[in-house]
C-alpha atoms as a PDB file:
ATOM      1  CA  MET A   1      18.687 -41.028 -50.611  1.00  0.00           C
ATOM      2  CA  SER A   2      15.592 -39.212 -49.111  1.00  0.00           C
ATOM      3  CA  GLU A   3      13.318 -37.005 -51.324  1.00  0.00           C
ATOM      4  CA  LYS A   4      14.450 -34.054 -48.931  1.00  0.00           C
ATOM      5  CA  THR A   5      18.204 -34.841 -49.318  1.00  0.00           C
ATOM      6  CA  GLU A   6      17.758 -35.058 -53.094  1.00  0.00           C
ATOM      7  CA  LEU A   7      15.931 -31.645 -53.081  1.00  0.00           C
ATOM      8  CA  ILE A   8      18.627 -30.121 -51.168  1.00  0.00           C
ATOM      9  CA  GLN A   9      21.356 -31.376 -53.477  1.00  0.00           C
ATOM     10  CA  LYS A  10      19.410 -29.905 -56.326  1.00  0.00           C
ATOM     11  CA  VAL A  11      19.195 -26.566 -54.827  1.00  0.00           C
ATOM     12  CA  GLU A  12      22.759 -26.429 -53.811  1.00  0.00           C
ATOM     13  CA  ASN A  13      23.668 -27.474 -57.518  1.00  0.00           C
ATOM     14  CA  VAL A  14      21.562 -24.450 -58.748  1.00  0.00           C
ATOM     15  CA  ILE A  15      23.232 -21.917 -55.996  1.00  0.00           C
ATOM     16  CA  ASN A  16      26.685 -23.284 -57.143  1.00  0.00           C
ATOM     17  CA  GLN A  17      25.949 -22.324 -60.712  1.00  0.00           C
ATOM     18  CA  ILE A  18      24.772 -18.849 -59.767  1.00  0.00           C
ATOM     19  CA  ARG A  19      27.470 -18.206 -57.172  1.00  0.00           C
ATOM     20  CA  PRO A  20      30.258 -16.992 -59.784  1.00  0.00           C
ATOM     21  CA  TYR A  21      28.052 -14.243 -60.927  1.00  0.00           C
ATOM     22  CA  LEU A  22      27.496 -13.029 -57.272  1.00  0.00           C
ATOM     23  CA  GLU A  23      31.268 -13.437 -56.616  1.00  0.00           C
ATOM     24  CA  ALA A  24      32.080 -11.191 -59.497  1.00  0.00           C
ATOM     25  CA  ASP A  25      30.276  -8.384 -57.765  1.00  0.00           C
ATOM     26  CA  GLY A  26      32.019  -9.035 -54.304  1.00  0.00           C
ATOM     27  CA  GLY A  27      29.098 -11.197 -52.902  1.00  0.00           C
ATOM     28  CA  ASN A  28      28.271 -14.816 -52.346  1.00  0.00           C
ATOM     29  CA  ILE A  29      25.235 -16.979 -51.113  1.00  0.00           C
ATOM     30  CA  ARG A  30      25.015 -19.895 -48.634  1.00  0.00           C
ATOM     31  CA  PHE A  31      22.254 -22.426 -48.527  1.00  0.00           C
ATOM     32  CA  ASP A  32      20.655 -22.815 -45.107  1.00  0.00           C
ATOM     33  CA  SER A  33      17.693 -24.860 -45.354  1.00  0.00           C
ATOM     34  CA  ILE A  34      14.329 -25.785 -46.931  1.00  0.00           C
ATOM     35  CA  THR A  35      11.268 -25.401 -45.039  1.00  0.00           C
ATOM     36  CA  GLU A  36       8.310 -27.837 -44.876  1.00  0.00           C
ATOM     37  CA  ASP A  37       6.550 -25.755 -47.495  1.00  0.00           C
ATOM     38  CA  ASN A  38       9.412 -25.828 -50.109  1.00  0.00           C
ATOM     39  CA  VAL A  39      10.919 -22.376 -49.224  1.00  0.00           C
ATOM     40  CA  VAL A  40      14.653 -22.174 -49.690  1.00  0.00           C
ATOM     41  CA  MET A  41      16.368 -20.181 -46.908  1.00  0.00           C
ATOM     42  CA  VAL A  42      19.672 -18.680 -47.894  1.00  0.00           C
ATOM     43  CA  GLU A  43      22.185 -16.322 -46.228  1.00  0.00           C
ATOM     44  CA  LEU A  44      23.585 -13.348 -48.626  1.00  0.00           C
ATOM     45  CA  LEU A  45      27.202 -12.808 -47.924  1.00  0.00           C
ATOM     46  CA  GLY A  46      29.898 -10.232 -48.542  1.00  0.00           C
ATOM     47  CA  ALA A  47      28.586  -7.263 -50.787  1.00  0.00           C
ATOM     48  CA  CYS A  48      25.376  -9.166 -51.124  1.00  0.00           C
ATOM     49  CA  GLY A  49      24.618  -8.909 -47.356  1.00  0.00           C
ATOM     50  CA  SER A  50      24.495  -5.048 -47.474  1.00  0.00           C
ATOM     51  CA  CYS A  51      23.798  -4.105 -50.933  1.00  0.00           C
ATOM     52  CA  PRO A  52      20.261  -2.343 -51.408  1.00  0.00           C
ATOM     53  CA  MET A  53      19.637  -4.198 -54.565  1.00  0.00           C
ATOM     54  CA  SER A  54      20.245  -7.572 -53.013  1.00  0.00           C
ATOM     55  CA  GLN A  55      16.420  -8.371 -52.689  1.00  0.00           C
ATOM     56  CA  MET A  56      16.079  -7.797 -56.340  1.00  0.00           C
ATOM     57  CA  THR A  57      18.781 -10.080 -57.142  1.00  0.00           C
ATOM     58  CA  LEU A  58      17.456 -12.392 -54.742  1.00  0.00           C
ATOM     59  CA  LYS A  59      14.013 -12.411 -56.304  1.00  0.00           C
ATOM     60  CA  ALA A  60      14.834 -11.838 -59.938  1.00  0.00           C
ATOM     61  CA  GLY A  61      17.931 -13.947 -60.109  1.00  0.00           C
ATOM     62  CA  VAL A  62      18.335 -16.695 -57.457  1.00  0.00           C
ATOM     63  CA  GLU A  63      14.729 -17.427 -57.022  1.00  0.00           C
ATOM     64  CA  GLN A  64      13.929 -17.486 -60.544  1.00  0.00           C
ATOM     65  CA  ALA A  65      16.781 -19.788 -61.430  1.00  0.00           C
ATOM     66  CA  VAL A  66      15.881 -22.036 -58.562  1.00  0.00           C
ATOM     67  CA  ARG A  67      12.346 -22.336 -59.489  1.00  0.00           C
ATOM     68  CA  LYS A  68      13.034 -22.819 -63.003  1.00  0.00           C
ATOM     69  CA  ALA A  69      15.300 -25.775 -62.382  1.00  0.00           C
ATOM     70  CA  ILE A  70      13.320 -27.274 -59.488  1.00  0.00           C
ATOM     71  CA  PRO A  71       9.492 -26.397 -59.813  1.00  0.00           C
ATOM     72  CA  GLU A  72       8.406 -27.731 -56.602  1.00  0.00           C
ATOM     73  CA  ILE A  73      10.212 -24.844 -54.789  1.00  0.00           C
ATOM     74  CA  GLN A  74       7.828 -22.108 -53.803  1.00  0.00           C
ATOM     75  CA  ALA A  75      10.101 -19.189 -53.029  1.00  0.00           C
ATOM     76  CA  VAL A  76      13.750 -18.285 -51.942  1.00  0.00           C
ATOM     77  CA  GLU A  77      14.083 -16.002 -48.797  1.00  0.00           C
ATOM     78  CA  ALA A  78      17.092 -14.423 -47.286  1.00  0.00           C
ATOM     79  CA  ILE A  79      17.717 -15.034 -43.475  1.00  0.00           C
ATOM     80  CA  ASN A  80      19.715 -11.911 -43.079  1.00  0.00           C
END
């Protein structure tokens, strides 16, 4: 398994752990890609896509959890 594939799998595992909390508020998240400089790109879905607090949720919740579990990740950004 390549290093990139392994990194993607780790990110998806963390996102899957966070997903129930987002779903409880009517939202969801979809992994999109990882850039060359280890920035995770995600799409916020459902209520998360239109919520004014979604950037705070993304940075304080999702990004913090991903970076804690996978230190080589630099950031998490939304594509929408």
